[in-house]
Amino acid sequence: MSELVGGYRTIGQIGVGAHSTIHHAVRTTTGKSYAIKRVVNESSGDLKFINQVEVEYEVSSKVKHPNLRHCYSIHRTKKLLTVQEIRVVMEYAEGETLQDRRPGSLDAFLYILHRVAAGLQALHEAGYVHADVKPNNIIVGKDGSVKVIDFGQACPILHRKERIQGTPDYIAPEQVQRVPLDQRTDVFNLGATMYWVLTEIPYPTAIRQPTRRGGIDLVSRETLRTPHEVNELIPVPLSQLIMDCCRENPQDRPSDMRAVMGRLEMVQSLWNKKRKNAITKRKSSGQNPRADPKGDERQ
């Protein structure tokens, strides 16, 4: 065991990011768990990753919300005024990402995505866009906790980035066009995330091409199917919400995460009503009235 930051005992590595490592650490005075992200400046190309960690701390230290991972402190090691190593002490978010484990029921999906939207709404109210919402940046804990993580590409609302930043399978058109970003950028990223989580098919964004990847033919906009068309068990209102979130023109998308949450709540209400009607029908016909055993599953 070692110390990456004074007062924290490092237990082991728990993740690897873009030129960064994330370690599980314990505060020596309290025994409480934290995560420490570390980036070392070893070449000229590492400076942008140092800057991303600076941005992550600046944004996530200012916004406290149960569905956003919070940063507590930042520590820099400098040489000749140049940052050689940077470490950020963050909230410890134990669980699995949506990339690694998709929800096993519609209830679980709606539960998770509603909380993601709530966290992003808080971020927007604080004046920031996440700009990299994707399954790998959403952690779901065994206790049902949901955390949006990795704010390294975040920026103030209406900021225009100098270069294209974002993950190809989830990037919004305005990120590719390098025009000012706002909360509707995250709406698109979230829509593309929901599309993949429900279908396991990447949404055809502005910088993806319909070529083969890993033996899979990627869909184009011409061959794009709605989630309901991919799987008829997906409710049509949910399918329509996802497609609305992914509209090319930001003005055609839901205006903010409150609007997204409202429509997710409507889908949940309709789903509950449908399930209740099904139970009533089974009771009246003398069948087993037990609802879908996965109906209350949270993960």
Protein backbone atom coordinates (compact mmCIF):
# COMPACT_ATOMS: atom_id res chain seq x y z
CA MET A 1 0.00 0.00 0.00
CA SER A 2 1.17 3.53 -0.77
CA GLU A 3 0.07 7.16 -0.74
CA LEU A 4 -0.79 9.03 -3.94
CA VAL A 5 -2.03 11.93 -1.82
CA GLY A 6 -1.12 12.73 1.76
CA GLY A 7 -3.63 11.32 4.21
CA TYR A 8 -4.99 8.68 1.82
CA ARG A 9 -3.86 5.05 1.78
CA THR A 10 -4.00 3.55 -1.71
CA ILE A 11 -5.53 0.06 -1.83
CA GLY A 12 -5.32 -0.74 -5.53
CA GLN A 13 -6.07 0.30 -9.07
CA ILE A 14 -9.73 0.17 -10.09
CA GLY A 15 -9.75 1.67 -13.57
CA VAL A 16 -7.82 3.00 -16.53
CA GLY A 17 -8.91 5.95 -18.66
CA ALA A 18 -7.41 8.11 -21.38
CA HIS A 19 -3.81 8.33 -20.12
CA SER A 20 -5.08 8.15 -16.54
CA THR A 21 -5.33 5.59 -13.78
CA ILE A 22 -7.97 5.52 -11.05
CA HIS A 23 -7.17 4.08 -7.64
CA HIS A 24 -9.25 3.04 -4.66
CA ALA A 25 -7.98 4.86 -1.59
CA VAL A 26 -9.00 5.17 2.05
CA ARG A 27 -8.77 8.29 4.19
CA THR A 28 -6.46 7.33 7.03
CA THR A 29 -8.33 9.39 9.63
CA THR A 30 -11.84 8.14 8.84
CA GLY A 31 -11.49 4.88 6.89
CA LYS A 32 -13.85 6.27 4.24
CA SER A 33 -13.30 5.17 0.63
CA TYR A 34 -12.42 7.58 -2.16
CA ALA A 35 -11.23 7.33 -5.76
CA ILE A 36 -8.05 9.09 -6.87
CA LYS A 37 -7.49 9.86 -10.55
CA ARG A 38 -3.85 10.25 -11.55
CA VAL A 39 -2.30 11.58 -14.78
CA VAL A 40 1.43 11.85 -15.38
CA ASN A 41 2.84 14.33 -17.90
CA GLU A 42 5.38 12.22 -19.78
CA SER A 43 5.21 13.72 -23.27
CA SER A 44 3.88 16.80 -25.09
CA GLY A 45 0.69 14.92 -25.95
CA ASP A 46 -0.13 14.38 -22.28
CA LEU A 47 -0.80 18.06 -21.64
CA LYS A 48 -4.37 17.81 -22.97
CA PHE A 49 -5.09 15.00 -20.50
CA ILE A 50 -3.69 17.12 -17.68
CA ASN A 51 -6.04 19.89 -18.82
CA GLN A 52 -9.01 17.50 -18.87
CA VAL A 53 -8.39 16.54 -15.26
CA GLU A 54 -8.21 20.24 -14.38
CA VAL A 55 -11.58 20.73 -16.08
CA GLU A 56 -13.07 17.70 -14.34
CA TYR A 57 -12.12 19.07 -10.95
CA GLU A 58 -13.26 22.61 -11.76
CA VAL A 59 -16.72 21.42 -12.82
CA SER A 60 -17.48 18.53 -10.47
CA SER A 61 -16.17 20.30 -7.36
CA LYS A 62 -18.74 23.05 -7.91
CA VAL A 63 -21.80 20.85 -8.38
CA LYS A 64 -23.09 18.52 -5.67
CA HIS A 65 -25.87 16.14 -6.66
CA PRO A 66 -26.46 12.50 -5.69
CA ASN A 67 -26.30 11.44 -9.35
CA LEU A 68 -23.05 13.26 -10.21
CA ARG A 69 -19.64 12.09 -8.99
CA HIS A 70 -18.15 14.84 -6.84
CA CYS A 71 -14.49 15.87 -6.72
CA TYR A 72 -13.07 16.98 -3.37
CA SER A 73 -9.51 18.14 -3.94
CA ILE A 74 -6.80 18.47 -6.57
CA HIS A 75 -3.05 17.98 -6.08
CA ARG A 76 -0.33 19.00 -8.52
CA THR A 77 3.38 18.20 -8.68
CA LYS A 78 5.28 20.84 -10.68
CA LYS A 79 8.74 21.16 -12.13
CA LEU A 80 9.90 24.47 -13.57
CA LEU A 81 6.30 25.74 -13.42
CA THR A 82 5.07 22.79 -15.50
CA VAL A 83 2.64 20.26 -14.02
CA GLN A 84 4.37 16.87 -14.03
CA GLU A 85 1.67 14.93 -12.23
CA ILE A 86 -1.88 15.65 -11.21
CA ARG A 87 -4.16 13.76 -8.81
CA VAL A 88 -7.81 14.38 -8.01
CA VAL A 89 -9.58 12.97 -4.95
CA MET A 90 -13.09 11.98 -6.00
CA GLU A 91 -16.19 10.34 -4.63
CA TYR A 92 -15.85 6.54 -4.68
CA ALA A 93 -18.52 5.20 -7.04
CA GLU A 94 -18.62 1.42 -6.68
CA GLY A 95 -20.59 -0.49 -9.28
CA GLU A 96 -20.72 -1.36 -12.96
CA THR A 97 -21.09 0.88 -15.98
CA LEU A 98 -24.02 0.65 -18.37
CA GLN A 99 -21.45 -0.36 -20.96
CA ASP A 100 -20.61 -3.46 -18.93
CA ARG A 101 -24.10 -4.26 -17.66
CA ARG A 102 -27.28 -3.20 -19.39
CA PRO A 103 -30.51 -3.07 -17.32
CA GLY A 104 -32.44 -6.33 -17.19
CA SER A 105 -35.92 -4.80 -17.28
CA LEU A 106 -37.80 -1.74 -18.47
CA ASP A 107 -38.30 -0.64 -14.86
CA ALA A 108 -34.56 -0.74 -14.25
CA PHE A 109 -33.88 1.18 -17.46
CA LEU A 110 -36.36 3.93 -16.57
CA TYR A 111 -35.07 4.09 -12.98
CA ILE A 112 -31.46 4.55 -14.09
CA LEU A 113 -32.04 6.95 -16.99
CA HIS A 114 -34.35 9.18 -14.96
CA ARG A 115 -31.59 9.62 -12.38
CA VAL A 116 -29.00 10.28 -15.06
CA ALA A 117 -31.24 13.01 -16.48
CA ALA A 118 -31.74 14.46 -12.98
CA GLY A 119 -27.99 14.70 -12.46
CA LEU A 120 -27.47 16.33 -15.85
CA GLN A 121 -30.25 18.83 -15.14
CA ALA A 122 -28.37 19.89 -12.00
CA LEU A 123 -25.19 20.23 -14.04
CA HIS A 124 -26.97 22.42 -16.59
CA GLU A 125 -28.47 24.59 -13.87
CA ALA A 126 -24.92 25.17 -12.64
CA GLY A 127 -24.04 26.42 -16.14
CA TYR A 128 -22.19 23.42 -17.63
CA VAL A 129 -22.61 20.86 -20.40
CA HIS A 130 -21.16 17.38 -19.79
CA ALA A 131 -20.48 16.80 -23.52
CA ASP A 132 -19.51 13.12 -23.15
CA VAL A 133 -22.58 11.28 -21.85
CA LYS A 134 -22.26 7.60 -22.78
CA PRO A 135 -22.83 4.17 -21.19
CA ASN A 136 -19.25 3.97 -19.96
CA ASN A 137 -19.70 7.22 -18.03
CA ILE A 138 -22.71 6.00 -16.05
CA ILE A 139 -22.11 3.81 -13.00
CA VAL A 140 -24.89 1.83 -11.31
CA GLY A 141 -24.22 0.49 -7.83
CA LYS A 142 -25.61 -2.64 -6.24
CA ASP A 143 -27.51 -0.39 -3.85
CA GLY A 144 -29.31 1.27 -6.77
CA SER A 145 -27.16 4.39 -6.76
CA VAL A 146 -26.57 6.02 -10.15
CA LYS A 147 -23.59 8.27 -10.89
CA VAL A 148 -22.63 10.23 -14.00
CA ILE A 149 -18.83 10.40 -14.07
CA ASP A 150 -15.93 11.88 -16.07
CA PHE A 151 -16.35 15.62 -16.57
CA GLY A 152 -13.09 16.04 -18.47
CA GLN A 153 -14.83 17.28 -21.63
CA ALA A 154 -17.38 19.46 -19.84
CA CYS A 155 -17.63 23.14 -20.72
CA PRO A 156 -19.75 26.19 -19.92
CA ILE A 157 -23.09 26.39 -21.72
CA LEU A 158 -22.73 28.17 -25.11
CA HIS A 159 -18.99 27.47 -25.20
CA ARG A 160 -17.50 26.83 -28.65
CA LYS A 161 -14.72 24.21 -28.57
CA GLU A 162 -11.58 24.65 -30.65
CA ARG A 163 -11.49 21.01 -31.72
CA ILE A 164 -13.93 18.13 -32.08
CA GLN A 165 -14.36 16.40 -28.74
CA GLY A 166 -16.71 13.55 -27.92
CA THR A 167 -17.19 9.81 -28.34
CA PRO A 168 -18.07 8.90 -31.98
CA ASP A 169 -21.03 6.63 -31.17
CA TYR A 170 -22.71 9.30 -29.03
CA ILE A 171 -21.46 12.65 -30.34
CA ALA A 172 -23.99 15.36 -31.28
CA PRO A 173 -23.91 17.11 -34.67
CA GLU A 174 -23.05 20.47 -33.09
CA GLN A 175 -19.98 18.92 -31.45
CA VAL A 176 -18.75 17.88 -34.88
CA GLN A 177 -19.62 21.28 -36.37
CA ARG A 178 -17.86 23.01 -33.47
CA VAL A 179 -20.67 25.47 -32.79
CA PRO A 180 -21.70 26.60 -29.28
CA LEU A 181 -22.95 23.76 -27.08
CA ASP A 182 -25.87 23.84 -24.69
CA GLN A 183 -28.01 21.46 -22.62
CA ARG A 184 -29.52 19.96 -25.79
CA THR A 185 -26.08 18.58 -26.65
CA ASP A 186 -26.33 16.35 -23.59
CA VAL A 187 -29.91 15.50 -24.63
CA PHE A 188 -28.52 14.09 -27.88
CA ASN A 189 -25.70 12.23 -26.11
CA LEU A 190 -28.25 10.75 -23.70
CA GLY A 191 -30.58 9.78 -26.55
CA ALA A 192 -27.77 7.96 -28.36
CA THR A 193 -26.89 6.30 -25.04
CA MET A 194 -30.47 5.10 -24.53
CA TYR A 195 -30.58 3.85 -28.12
CA TRP A 196 -27.50 1.66 -27.58
CA VAL A 197 -28.57 0.44 -24.13
CA LEU A 198 -31.92 -0.78 -25.48
CA THR A 199 -30.78 -2.14 -28.86
CA GLU A 200 -27.00 -2.79 -28.57
CA ILE A 201 -26.77 -0.95 -31.91
CA PRO A 202 -24.70 2.26 -32.07
CA TYR A 203 -26.67 5.28 -33.24
CA PRO A 204 -25.40 6.62 -36.61
CA THR A 205 -23.89 9.93 -35.52
CA ALA A 206 -22.32 12.58 -37.72
CA ILE A 207 -18.80 11.11 -37.66
CA ARG A 208 -19.63 7.41 -37.86
CA GLN A 209 -19.60 5.65 -41.20
CA PRO A 210 -21.60 2.55 -42.27
CA THR A 211 -18.56 0.31 -42.34
CA ARG A 212 -17.93 -2.96 -40.59
CA ARG A 213 -16.58 -3.02 -37.05
CA GLY A 214 -15.78 -6.31 -35.38
CA GLY A 215 -17.78 -8.19 -37.98
CA ILE A 216 -20.88 -6.01 -37.51
CA ASP A 217 -22.37 -3.86 -40.25
CA LEU A 218 -22.96 -0.42 -38.77
CA VAL A 219 -26.29 1.16 -39.61
CA SER A 220 -26.59 4.35 -41.63
CA ARG A 221 -29.24 7.02 -41.30
CA GLU A 222 -30.97 5.46 -44.31
CA THR A 223 -31.24 2.05 -42.62
CA LEU A 224 -31.83 3.38 -39.09
CA ARG A 225 -34.68 1.72 -37.22
CA THR A 226 -36.40 3.05 -34.13
CA PRO A 227 -35.86 1.08 -30.90
CA HIS A 228 -39.45 -0.20 -31.16
CA GLU A 229 -38.73 -1.47 -34.67
CA VAL A 230 -35.65 -3.27 -33.38
CA ASN A 231 -37.57 -4.75 -30.44
CA GLU A 232 -41.37 -4.49 -30.42
CA LEU A 233 -41.43 -4.93 -26.63
CA ILE A 234 -39.95 -1.43 -26.23
CA PRO A 235 -42.87 0.97 -25.67
CA VAL A 236 -43.56 3.29 -28.60
CA PRO A 237 -43.51 6.46 -26.39
CA LEU A 238 -40.03 5.54 -25.13
CA SER A 239 -38.86 4.78 -28.66
CA GLN A 240 -40.19 8.14 -29.84
CA LEU A 241 -38.49 9.97 -26.96
CA ILE A 242 -35.13 8.47 -27.92
CA MET A 243 -35.54 9.42 -31.57
CA ASP A 244 -36.59 12.95 -30.57
CA CYS A 245 -33.48 13.28 -28.39
CA CYS A 246 -31.36 12.35 -31.41
CA ARG A 247 -32.80 14.93 -33.79
CA GLU A 248 -30.08 16.59 -35.86
CA ASN A 249 -31.35 20.10 -35.16
CA PRO A 250 -31.05 20.92 -31.43
CA GLN A 251 -34.27 22.96 -31.63
CA ASP A 252 -36.19 19.79 -32.51
CA ARG A 253 -35.02 17.92 -29.40
CA PRO A 254 -36.53 18.07 -25.91
CA SER A 255 -35.52 21.48 -24.58
CA ASP A 256 -33.80 20.22 -21.45
CA MET A 257 -33.48 17.29 -19.06
CA ARG A 258 -36.68 18.27 -17.26
CA ALA A 259 -38.56 17.58 -20.48
CA VAL A 260 -36.73 14.24 -20.83
CA MET A 261 -37.59 13.29 -17.24
CA GLY A 262 -41.22 14.20 -17.78
CA ARG A 263 -41.47 11.89 -20.77
CA LEU A 264 -39.65 9.08 -18.94
CA GLU A 265 -42.18 9.45 -16.12
CA MET A 266 -45.00 9.24 -18.65
CA VAL A 267 -43.54 6.02 -20.04
CA GLN A 268 -43.29 4.60 -16.51
CA SER A 269 -46.90 5.56 -15.79
CA LEU A 270 -48.15 3.92 -18.99
CA TRP A 271 -46.04 0.83 -18.28
CA ASN A 272 -47.43 0.54 -14.75
CA LYS A 273 -50.98 0.89 -16.09
CA LYS A 274 -50.37 -1.76 -18.74
CA ARG A 275 -48.93 -4.13 -16.13
CA LYS A 276 -51.85 -3.50 -13.75
CA ASN A 277 -54.35 -4.19 -16.54
CA ALA A 278 -52.52 -7.41 -17.41
CA ILE A 279 -52.67 -8.58 -13.77
CA THR A 280 -56.37 -7.75 -13.59
CA LYS A 281 -57.00 -9.67 -16.81
CA ARG A 282 -55.11 -12.71 -15.50
CA LYS A 283 -57.08 -12.61 -12.25
CA SER A 284 -60.38 -12.47 -14.07
CA SER A 285 -59.41 -15.41 -16.26
CA GLY A 286 -58.23 -17.48 -13.26
CA GLN A 287 -54.56 -17.40 -14.36
CA ASN A 288 -51.57 -16.74 -12.09
CA PRO A 289 -51.77 -12.97 -11.39
CA ARG A 290 -48.07 -12.66 -10.60
CA ALA A 291 -46.50 -9.79 -12.52
CA ASP A 292 -43.25 -9.96 -14.41
CA PRO A 293 -40.66 -11.00 -11.78
CA LYS A 294 -38.20 -8.53 -13.27
CA GLY A 295 -40.66 -5.67 -12.94
CA ASP A 296 -39.03 -4.19 -9.84
CA GLU A 297 -35.47 -5.03 -10.78
CA ARG A 298 -33.19 -2.04 -10.39
CA GLN A 299 -30.04 -3.35 -12.07
